[in-house]
Amino acid sequence: MENESGGKREIRVSAQYIKDLSFENPRAPGSLGPTKAAPETAVTVDINAGKLGDDLYEVELKISTRVILEAATLFLVELNYAGLFTITGIPEDELETVLVVYAPSLLFPFARRIIADTTRDGGFPPLMLDPVDFGKLYMERRAEAVSKKAKGN
């Protein structure tokens, strides 16, 4: 695909890696048996992106998942999964969307698998996170930022 100036538009994943991974199972081994109630799952997702070189960007996908049963934490998984992206020919006004919507959507399936494997290895059924709509997340966070700015915070 070419951009408006005739140059080639390219987004290439140069590397993917775990920056940080934490699993806590504070009530083990008592937490590993059958339960009467269904646990609650709280998931937070955050994205950080930064420029490392001329066409090189790092995008970090931070996922924190806490599973709670009867007001006590069964387990907690925190993952910071990142990718290096070589991006060329993308107009400046589209770059933010590429970095916080498109790039995380490429990383998410790998992060999801890591979390599923980690919870399984921790003695629980694999936790399969629901897909994330990064476009919707981006729009919500932009609206929050505009609202805060309008209120003077």
C-alpha atoms as a PDB file:
ATOM      1  CA  MET A   1       0.000   0.000   0.000  1.00  0.00           C
ATOM      2  CA  GLU A   2       1.310   3.471  -0.820  1.00  0.00           C
ATOM      3  CA  ASN A   3       0.792   6.713   1.052  1.00  0.00           C
ATOM      4  CA  GLU A   4      -0.328  10.036  -0.436  1.00  0.00           C
ATOM      5  CA  SER A   5       3.212  11.019  -1.409  1.00  0.00           C
ATOM      6  CA  GLY A   6       3.713   7.758  -3.309  1.00  0.00           C
ATOM      7  CA  GLY A   7       5.956   6.127  -0.667  1.00  0.00           C
ATOM      8  CA  LYS A   8       5.377   2.613   0.537  1.00  0.00           C
ATOM      9  CA  ARG A   9       3.411   2.198   3.785  1.00  0.00           C
ATOM     10  CA  GLU A  10       4.835  -0.582   5.904  1.00  0.00           C
ATOM     11  CA  ILE A  11       4.280  -1.847   9.434  1.00  0.00           C
ATOM     12  CA  ARG A  12       6.574  -4.712  10.343  1.00  0.00           C
ATOM     13  CA  VAL A  13       6.907  -6.523  13.659  1.00  0.00           C
ATOM     14  CA  SER A  14      10.664  -6.707  14.248  1.00  0.00           C
ATOM     15  CA  ALA A  15      10.492  -8.487  17.635  1.00  0.00           C
ATOM     16  CA  GLN A  16       8.067  -9.535  20.352  1.00  0.00           C
ATOM     17  CA  TYR A  17       9.019 -10.193  23.971  1.00  0.00           C
ATOM     18  CA  ILE A  18       7.934 -10.416  27.582  1.00  0.00           C
ATOM     19  CA  LYS A  19       9.218  -7.414  29.534  1.00  0.00           C
ATOM     20  CA  ASP A  20       7.667  -8.495  32.820  1.00  0.00           C
ATOM     21  CA  LEU A  21       5.501 -11.399  33.948  1.00  0.00           C
ATOM     22  CA  SER A  22       4.159 -11.973  37.450  1.00  0.00           C
ATOM     23  CA  PHE A  23       1.862 -14.706  38.743  1.00  0.00           C
ATOM     24  CA  GLU A  24       0.667 -14.780  42.337  1.00  0.00           C
ATOM     25  CA  ASN A  25      -1.289 -17.633  43.876  1.00  0.00           C
ATOM     26  CA  PRO A  26      -1.567 -16.364  47.477  1.00  0.00           C
ATOM     27  CA  ARG A  27      -3.943 -19.022  48.838  1.00  0.00           C
ATOM     28  CA  ALA A  28      -2.269 -22.117  47.350  1.00  0.00           C
ATOM     29  CA  PRO A  29      -2.770 -24.966  47.825  1.00  0.00           C
ATOM     30  CA  GLY A  30      -6.187 -24.210  49.340  1.00  0.00           C
ATOM     31  CA  SER A  31      -7.246 -22.256  46.247  1.00  0.00           C
ATOM     32  CA  LEU A  32      -6.746 -25.203  43.912  1.00  0.00           C
ATOM     33  CA  GLY A  33      -9.760 -27.303  44.928  1.00  0.00           C
ATOM     34  CA  PRO A  34     -13.331 -27.130  43.664  1.00  0.00           C
ATOM     35  CA  THR A  35     -15.356 -24.027  44.500  1.00  0.00           C
ATOM     36  CA  LYS A  36     -19.070 -23.561  45.100  1.00  0.00           C
ATOM     37  CA  ALA A  37     -19.291 -20.030  43.744  1.00  0.00           C
ATOM     38  CA  ALA A  38     -18.118 -18.659  40.417  1.00  0.00           C
ATOM     39  CA  PRO A  39     -15.065 -16.418  40.692  1.00  0.00           C
ATOM     40  CA  GLU A  40     -15.045 -12.835  39.416  1.00  0.00           C
ATOM     41  CA  THR A  41     -12.417 -11.704  36.942  1.00  0.00           C
ATOM     42  CA  ALA A  42     -11.150  -8.126  36.739  1.00  0.00           C
ATOM     43  CA  VAL A  43      -8.977  -7.240  33.760  1.00  0.00           C
ATOM     44  CA  THR A  44      -7.210  -3.965  33.028  1.00  0.00           C
ATOM     45  CA  VAL A  45      -5.386  -3.192  29.813  1.00  0.00           C
ATOM     46  CA  ASP A  46      -2.973  -0.343  29.217  1.00  0.00           C
ATOM     47  CA  ILE A  47      -0.865   0.574  26.207  1.00  0.00           C
ATOM     48  CA  ASN A  48       2.374   2.523  26.035  1.00  0.00           C
ATOM     49  CA  ALA A  49       4.169   3.391  22.836  1.00  0.00           C
ATOM     50  CA  GLY A  50       7.394   5.203  22.203  1.00  0.00           C
ATOM     51  CA  LYS A  51       9.819   5.997  19.437  1.00  0.00           C
ATOM     52  CA  LEU A  52      13.223   4.309  19.676  1.00  0.00           C
ATOM     53  CA  GLY A  53      14.764   5.353  16.362  1.00  0.00           C
ATOM     54  CA  ASP A  54      13.969   6.805  12.963  1.00  0.00           C
ATOM     55  CA  ASP A  55      11.362   4.194  12.000  1.00  0.00           C
ATOM     56  CA  LEU A  56      11.498   2.008  15.123  1.00  0.00           C
ATOM     57  CA  TYR A  57       8.814   2.038  17.821  1.00  0.00           C
ATOM     58  CA  GLU A  58       8.185  -0.021  20.929  1.00  0.00           C
ATOM     59  CA  VAL A  59       4.595  -0.805  21.853  1.00  0.00           C
ATOM     60  CA  GLU A  60       3.902  -2.244  25.306  1.00  0.00           C
ATOM     61  CA  LEU A  61       0.703  -4.056  26.151  1.00  0.00           C
ATOM     62  CA  LYS A  62       0.164  -4.197  29.916  1.00  0.00           C
ATOM     63  CA  ILE A  63      -2.482  -6.619  31.111  1.00  0.00           C
ATOM     64  CA  SER A  64      -3.402  -7.132  34.753  1.00  0.00           C
ATOM     65  CA  THR A  65      -5.867  -9.863  35.660  1.00  0.00           C
ATOM     66  CA  ARG A  66      -7.163 -10.551  39.150  1.00  0.00           C
ATOM     67  CA  VAL A  67      -9.499 -13.462  39.850  1.00  0.00           C
ATOM     68  CA  ILE A  68     -11.458 -13.108  43.074  1.00  0.00           C
ATOM     69  CA  LEU A  69     -13.568 -15.653  44.953  1.00  0.00           C
ATOM     70  CA  GLU A  70     -15.603 -14.633  47.996  1.00  0.00           C
ATOM     71  CA  ALA A  71     -13.648 -11.359  48.428  1.00  0.00           C
ATOM     72  CA  ALA A  72     -10.273 -13.115  48.359  1.00  0.00           C
ATOM     73  CA  THR A  73      -7.774 -13.163  45.491  1.00  0.00           C
ATOM     74  CA  LEU A  74      -7.441 -16.599  43.912  1.00  0.00           C
ATOM     75  CA  PHE A  75      -4.680 -15.478  41.603  1.00  0.00           C
ATOM     76  CA  LEU A  76      -3.188 -12.401  39.984  1.00  0.00           C
ATOM     77  CA  VAL A  77      -1.394 -12.262  36.636  1.00  0.00           C
ATOM     78  CA  GLU A  78       0.433  -9.165  35.425  1.00  0.00           C
ATOM     79  CA  LEU A  79       1.995  -9.198  31.988  1.00  0.00           C
ATOM     80  CA  ASN A  80       3.919  -6.506  30.177  1.00  0.00           C
ATOM     81  CA  TYR A  81       4.286  -7.802  26.622  1.00  0.00           C
ATOM     82  CA  ALA A  82       5.983  -5.656  24.012  1.00  0.00           C
ATOM     83  CA  GLY A  83       6.838  -5.508  20.375  1.00  0.00           C
ATOM     84  CA  LEU A  84       9.288  -3.589  18.251  1.00  0.00           C
ATOM     85  CA  PHE A  85       7.667  -2.211  15.128  1.00  0.00           C
ATOM     86  CA  THR A  86       9.365  -0.804  12.074  1.00  0.00           C
ATOM     87  CA  ILE A  87       6.937   1.719  10.624  1.00  0.00           C
ATOM     88  CA  THR A  88       7.538   3.587   7.379  1.00  0.00           C
ATOM     89  CA  GLY A  89       5.398   5.736   5.132  1.00  0.00           C
ATOM     90  CA  ILE A  90       2.633   6.327   7.695  1.00  0.00           C
ATOM     91  CA  PRO A  91       1.524   9.976   7.867  1.00  0.00           C
ATOM     92  CA  GLU A  92       2.088  11.643  11.248  1.00  0.00           C
ATOM     93  CA  ASP A  93      -1.657  12.122  11.798  1.00  0.00           C
ATOM     94  CA  GLU A  94      -2.220   8.339  11.507  1.00  0.00           C
ATOM     95  CA  LEU A  95       0.777   7.204  13.543  1.00  0.00           C
ATOM     96  CA  GLU A  96      -0.899   7.367  16.950  1.00  0.00           C
ATOM     97  CA  THR A  97      -3.733   5.132  15.771  1.00  0.00           C
ATOM     98  CA  VAL A  98      -1.258   2.622  14.353  1.00  0.00           C
ATOM     99  CA  LEU A  99       0.678   2.552  17.640  1.00  0.00           C
ATOM    100  CA  VAL A 100      -2.247   2.269  20.075  1.00  0.00           C
ATOM    101  CA  VAL A 101      -4.846   0.396  18.018  1.00  0.00           C
ATOM    102  CA  TYR A 102      -3.258  -1.652  15.231  1.00  0.00           C
ATOM    103  CA  ALA A 103       0.019  -2.689  16.923  1.00  0.00           C
ATOM    104  CA  PRO A 104      -1.604  -3.876  20.196  1.00  0.00           C
ATOM    105  CA  SER A 105      -4.118  -5.902  18.206  1.00  0.00           C
ATOM    106  CA  LEU A 106      -1.166  -7.756  16.653  1.00  0.00           C
ATOM    107  CA  LEU A 107       0.393  -8.389  20.079  1.00  0.00           C
ATOM    108  CA  PHE A 108      -2.763  -9.371  21.968  1.00  0.00           C
ATOM    109  CA  PRO A 109      -3.164 -12.988  20.781  1.00  0.00           C
ATOM    110  CA  PHE A 110       0.358 -13.781  21.984  1.00  0.00           C
ATOM    111  CA  ALA A 111      -0.211 -12.065  25.344  1.00  0.00           C
ATOM    112  CA  ARG A 112      -3.513 -13.924  25.711  1.00  0.00           C
ATOM    113  CA  ARG A 113      -1.757 -17.258  25.189  1.00  0.00           C
ATOM    114  CA  ILE A 114       0.942 -16.385  27.738  1.00  0.00           C
ATOM    115  CA  ILE A 115      -1.722 -15.576  30.344  1.00  0.00           C
ATOM    116  CA  ALA A 116      -3.633 -18.791  29.572  1.00  0.00           C
ATOM    117  CA  ASP A 117      -0.457 -20.877  29.849  1.00  0.00           C
ATOM    118  CA  THR A 118       0.597 -19.136  33.064  1.00  0.00           C
ATOM    119  CA  THR A 119      -2.734 -19.695  34.802  1.00  0.00           C
ATOM    120  CA  ARG A 120      -2.768 -23.330  33.671  1.00  0.00           C
ATOM    121  CA  ASP A 121       0.794 -23.817  34.947  1.00  0.00           C
ATOM    122  CA  GLY A 122      -0.323 -22.195  38.224  1.00  0.00           C
ATOM    123  CA  GLY A 123      -2.849 -24.978  38.785  1.00  0.00           C
ATOM    124  CA  PHE A 124      -5.989 -23.296  37.442  1.00  0.00           C
ATOM    125  CA  PRO A 125      -7.952 -23.764  34.231  1.00  0.00           C
ATOM    126  CA  PRO A 126      -6.409 -21.659  31.445  1.00  0.00           C
ATOM    127  CA  LEU A 127      -7.765 -18.103  31.608  1.00  0.00           C
ATOM    128  CA  MET A 128      -8.834 -17.199  28.081  1.00  0.00           C
ATOM    129  CA  LEU A 129      -9.212 -13.422  27.969  1.00  0.00           C
ATOM    130  CA  ASP A 130     -11.955 -11.997  25.811  1.00  0.00           C
ATOM    131  CA  PRO A 131     -10.727 -10.134  22.735  1.00  0.00           C
ATOM    132  CA  VAL A 132     -10.059  -6.424  23.276  1.00  0.00           C
ATOM    133  CA  ASP A 133     -11.446  -3.753  20.956  1.00  0.00           C
ATOM    134  CA  PHE A 134      -8.406  -1.476  20.921  1.00  0.00           C
ATOM    135  CA  GLY A 135     -10.188   1.060  18.709  1.00  0.00           C
ATOM    136  CA  LYS A 136     -12.974   1.440  21.245  1.00  0.00           C
ATOM    137  CA  LEU A 137     -10.458   1.588  24.105  1.00  0.00           C
ATOM    138  CA  TYR A 138      -8.543   4.330  22.275  1.00  0.00           C
ATOM    139  CA  MET A 139     -11.698   6.389  21.691  1.00  0.00           C
ATOM    140  CA  GLU A 140     -12.800   6.027  25.333  1.00  0.00           C
ATOM    141  CA  ARG A 141      -9.411   7.157  26.627  1.00  0.00           C
ATOM    142  CA  ARG A 142      -9.326  10.099  24.237  1.00  0.00           C
ATOM    143  CA  ALA A 143     -12.793  11.153  25.409  1.00  0.00           C
ATOM    144  CA  GLU A 144     -11.622  10.900  29.057  1.00  0.00           C
ATOM    145  CA  ALA A 145      -8.582  13.048  28.301  1.00  0.00           C
ATOM    146  CA  VAL A 146     -10.700  15.689  26.556  1.00  0.00           C
ATOM    147  CA  SER A 147     -13.154  15.697  29.478  1.00  0.00           C
ATOM    148  CA  LYS A 148     -10.357  16.115  32.040  1.00  0.00           C
ATOM    149  CA  LYS A 149      -8.810  18.895  29.990  1.00  0.00           C
ATOM    150  CA  ALA A 150     -12.165  20.681  29.750  1.00  0.00           C
ATOM    151  CA  LYS A 151     -12.561  20.474  33.537  1.00  0.00           C
ATOM    152  CA  GLY A 152      -9.073  21.878  34.019  1.00  0.00           C
ATOM    153  CA  ASN A 153      -7.575  18.774  35.634  1.00  0.00           C
END
